[in-house]
Amino acid sequence: MPNGVTWDTRRGEAAKIRQWRLTREQWTERRRGDIELVAVGDCLPVLGIDPPPAD
């Protein structure tokens, strides 16, 4: 899917979706170390990531 704008449904209504694609190399060049994701455990399976084992 190329960069640009598409339309999709969000919460039952039409919504403009903006998309930007980066190669891994582009991502690595711009990667930031000051961003932390929290409380995303329920989303991991949707992203194909196994959740870490419970403590």
N, C-alpha and C. Protein backbone atom coordinates (compact mmCIF):
# COMPACT_ATOMS: atom_id res chain seq x y z
N MET A 1 0.85 -1.17 0.00
CA MET A 1 0.00 0.00 0.00
C MET A 1 0.90 1.24 0.00
N PRO A 2 0.69 2.16 -0.91
CA PRO A 2 1.54 3.34 -1.00
C PRO A 2 1.19 4.40 0.06
N ASN A 3 2.08 5.40 0.19
CA ASN A 3 1.78 6.54 1.05
C ASN A 3 0.56 7.26 0.49
N GLY A 4 -0.18 7.92 1.38
CA GLY A 4 -1.31 8.69 0.90
C GLY A 4 -2.49 8.62 1.83
N VAL A 5 -3.65 8.93 1.27
CA VAL A 5 -4.89 9.00 2.04
C VAL A 5 -5.88 8.01 1.45
N THR A 6 -6.54 7.27 2.33
CA THR A 6 -7.63 6.38 1.92
C THR A 6 -8.80 6.64 2.85
N TRP A 7 -9.90 6.04 2.56
CA TRP A 7 -11.09 6.15 3.41
C TRP A 7 -11.43 4.79 3.97
N ASP A 8 -11.87 4.76 5.21
CA ASP A 8 -12.24 3.52 5.88
C ASP A 8 -13.35 3.85 6.85
N THR A 9 -13.83 2.85 7.57
CA THR A 9 -14.86 3.08 8.58
C THR A 9 -14.22 3.00 9.95
N ARG A 10 -14.46 4.02 10.75
CA ARG A 10 -13.96 4.06 12.12
C ARG A 10 -15.14 4.40 13.03
N ARG A 11 -15.42 3.48 13.96
CA ARG A 11 -16.54 3.65 14.89
C ARG A 11 -17.86 3.90 14.14
N GLY A 12 -18.01 3.18 13.04
CA GLY A 12 -19.26 3.23 12.29
C GLY A 12 -19.41 4.42 11.35
N GLU A 13 -18.39 5.23 11.22
CA GLU A 13 -18.48 6.41 10.35
C GLU A 13 -17.28 6.46 9.42
N ALA A 14 -17.47 7.11 8.26
CA ALA A 14 -16.38 7.26 7.31
C ALA A 14 -15.26 8.09 7.95
N ALA A 15 -14.02 7.66 7.70
CA ALA A 15 -12.88 8.37 8.27
C ALA A 15 -11.73 8.39 7.27
N LYS A 16 -11.05 9.52 7.19
CA LYS A 16 -9.88 9.64 6.34
C LYS A 16 -8.71 8.97 7.07
N ILE A 17 -8.02 8.07 6.39
CA ILE A 17 -6.89 7.35 6.96
C ILE A 17 -5.63 7.79 6.22
N ARG A 18 -4.68 8.33 6.97
CA ARG A 18 -3.40 8.75 6.37
C ARG A 18 -2.38 7.65 6.61
N GLN A 19 -1.64 7.32 5.56
CA GLN A 19 -0.69 6.22 5.65
C GLN A 19 0.68 6.66 5.17
N TRP A 20 1.69 6.32 5.97
CA TRP A 20 3.08 6.57 5.60
C TRP A 20 3.85 5.27 5.79
N ARG A 21 4.56 4.86 4.79
CA ARG A 21 5.34 3.63 4.87
C ARG A 21 6.81 3.97 4.93
N LEU A 22 7.53 3.24 5.77
CA LEU A 22 8.97 3.39 5.89
C LEU A 22 9.63 2.03 5.69
N THR A 23 10.77 2.05 5.06
CA THR A 23 11.57 0.82 5.02
C THR A 23 12.18 0.66 6.41
N ARG A 24 12.69 -0.52 6.71
CA ARG A 24 13.34 -0.73 8.00
C ARG A 24 14.52 0.22 8.17
N GLU A 25 15.25 0.45 7.09
CA GLU A 25 16.38 1.36 7.15
C GLU A 25 15.92 2.78 7.50
N GLN A 26 14.85 3.26 6.87
CA GLN A 26 14.33 4.59 7.18
C GLN A 26 13.87 4.67 8.63
N TRP A 27 13.21 3.62 9.11
CA TRP A 27 12.74 3.59 10.50
C TRP A 27 13.93 3.66 11.47
N THR A 28 14.96 2.85 11.20
CA THR A 28 16.12 2.81 12.08
C THR A 28 16.80 4.17 12.16
N GLU A 29 16.88 4.87 11.03
CA GLU A 29 17.51 6.20 11.01
C GLU A 29 16.75 7.21 11.87
N ARG A 30 15.42 7.04 11.97
CA ARG A 30 14.59 8.01 12.67
C ARG A 30 14.09 7.53 14.03
N ARG A 31 14.44 6.33 14.39
CA ARG A 31 13.92 5.73 15.62
C ARG A 31 14.26 6.58 16.84
N ARG A 32 13.29 6.71 17.72
CA ARG A 32 13.46 7.52 18.92
C ARG A 32 13.47 6.63 20.15
N GLY A 33 14.32 6.95 21.11
CA GLY A 33 14.42 6.17 22.31
C GLY A 33 13.61 6.73 23.48
N ASP A 34 12.92 7.84 23.26
CA ASP A 34 12.19 8.48 24.35
C ASP A 34 10.69 8.16 24.34
N ILE A 35 10.28 7.19 23.55
CA ILE A 35 8.86 6.83 23.45
C ILE A 35 8.67 5.46 24.08
N GLU A 36 7.69 5.35 24.97
CA GLU A 36 7.41 4.09 25.65
C GLU A 36 5.92 3.76 25.48
N LEU A 37 5.63 2.55 25.05
CA LEU A 37 4.24 2.10 24.95
C LEU A 37 3.89 1.36 26.23
N VAL A 38 2.76 1.70 26.82
CA VAL A 38 2.32 1.05 28.05
C VAL A 38 0.91 0.52 27.86
N ALA A 39 0.57 -0.51 28.61
CA ALA A 39 -0.78 -1.11 28.60
C ALA A 39 -1.20 -1.55 27.20
N VAL A 40 -0.31 -2.18 26.48
CA VAL A 40 -0.63 -2.66 25.13
C VAL A 40 -0.73 -4.18 25.06
N GLY A 41 -0.71 -4.84 26.22
CA GLY A 41 -0.72 -6.30 26.26
C GLY A 41 -1.85 -6.93 25.48
N ASP A 42 -3.04 -6.35 25.53
CA ASP A 42 -4.19 -6.93 24.81
C ASP A 42 -4.06 -6.79 23.30
N CYS A 43 -3.24 -5.86 22.83
CA CYS A 43 -3.07 -5.63 21.39
C CYS A 43 -2.00 -6.52 20.77
N LEU A 44 -1.11 -7.07 21.57
CA LEU A 44 0.01 -7.83 21.03
C LEU A 44 -0.40 -8.98 20.11
N PRO A 45 -1.39 -9.81 20.47
CA PRO A 45 -1.76 -10.89 19.57
C PRO A 45 -2.27 -10.39 18.21
N VAL A 46 -2.92 -9.25 18.18
CA VAL A 46 -3.39 -8.68 16.91
C VAL A 46 -2.21 -8.32 16.02
N LEU A 47 -1.10 -7.95 16.64
CA LEU A 47 0.10 -7.58 15.90
C LEU A 47 1.00 -8.77 15.63
N GLY A 48 0.57 -9.95 16.05
CA GLY A 48 1.36 -11.16 15.84
C GLY A 48 2.51 -11.31 16.81
N ILE A 49 2.41 -10.66 17.97
CA ILE A 49 3.46 -10.71 18.98
C ILE A 49 2.96 -11.48 20.19
N ASP A 50 3.73 -12.46 20.61
CA ASP A 50 3.34 -13.22 21.80
C ASP A 50 3.55 -12.35 23.05
N PRO A 51 2.55 -12.28 23.93
CA PRO A 51 2.74 -11.50 25.16
C PRO A 51 3.80 -12.15 26.03
N PRO A 52 4.52 -11.32 26.81
CA PRO A 52 5.53 -11.89 27.70
C PRO A 52 4.89 -12.74 28.78
N PRO A 53 5.62 -13.69 29.32
CA PRO A 53 5.05 -14.53 30.39
C PRO A 53 4.69 -13.68 31.62
N ALA A 54 3.66 -14.09 32.33
CA ALA A 54 3.25 -13.39 33.55
C ALA A 54 4.31 -13.58 34.61
N ASP A 55 4.47 -12.58 35.45
CA ASP A 55 5.47 -12.65 36.54
C ASP A 55 5.06 -13.63 37.59
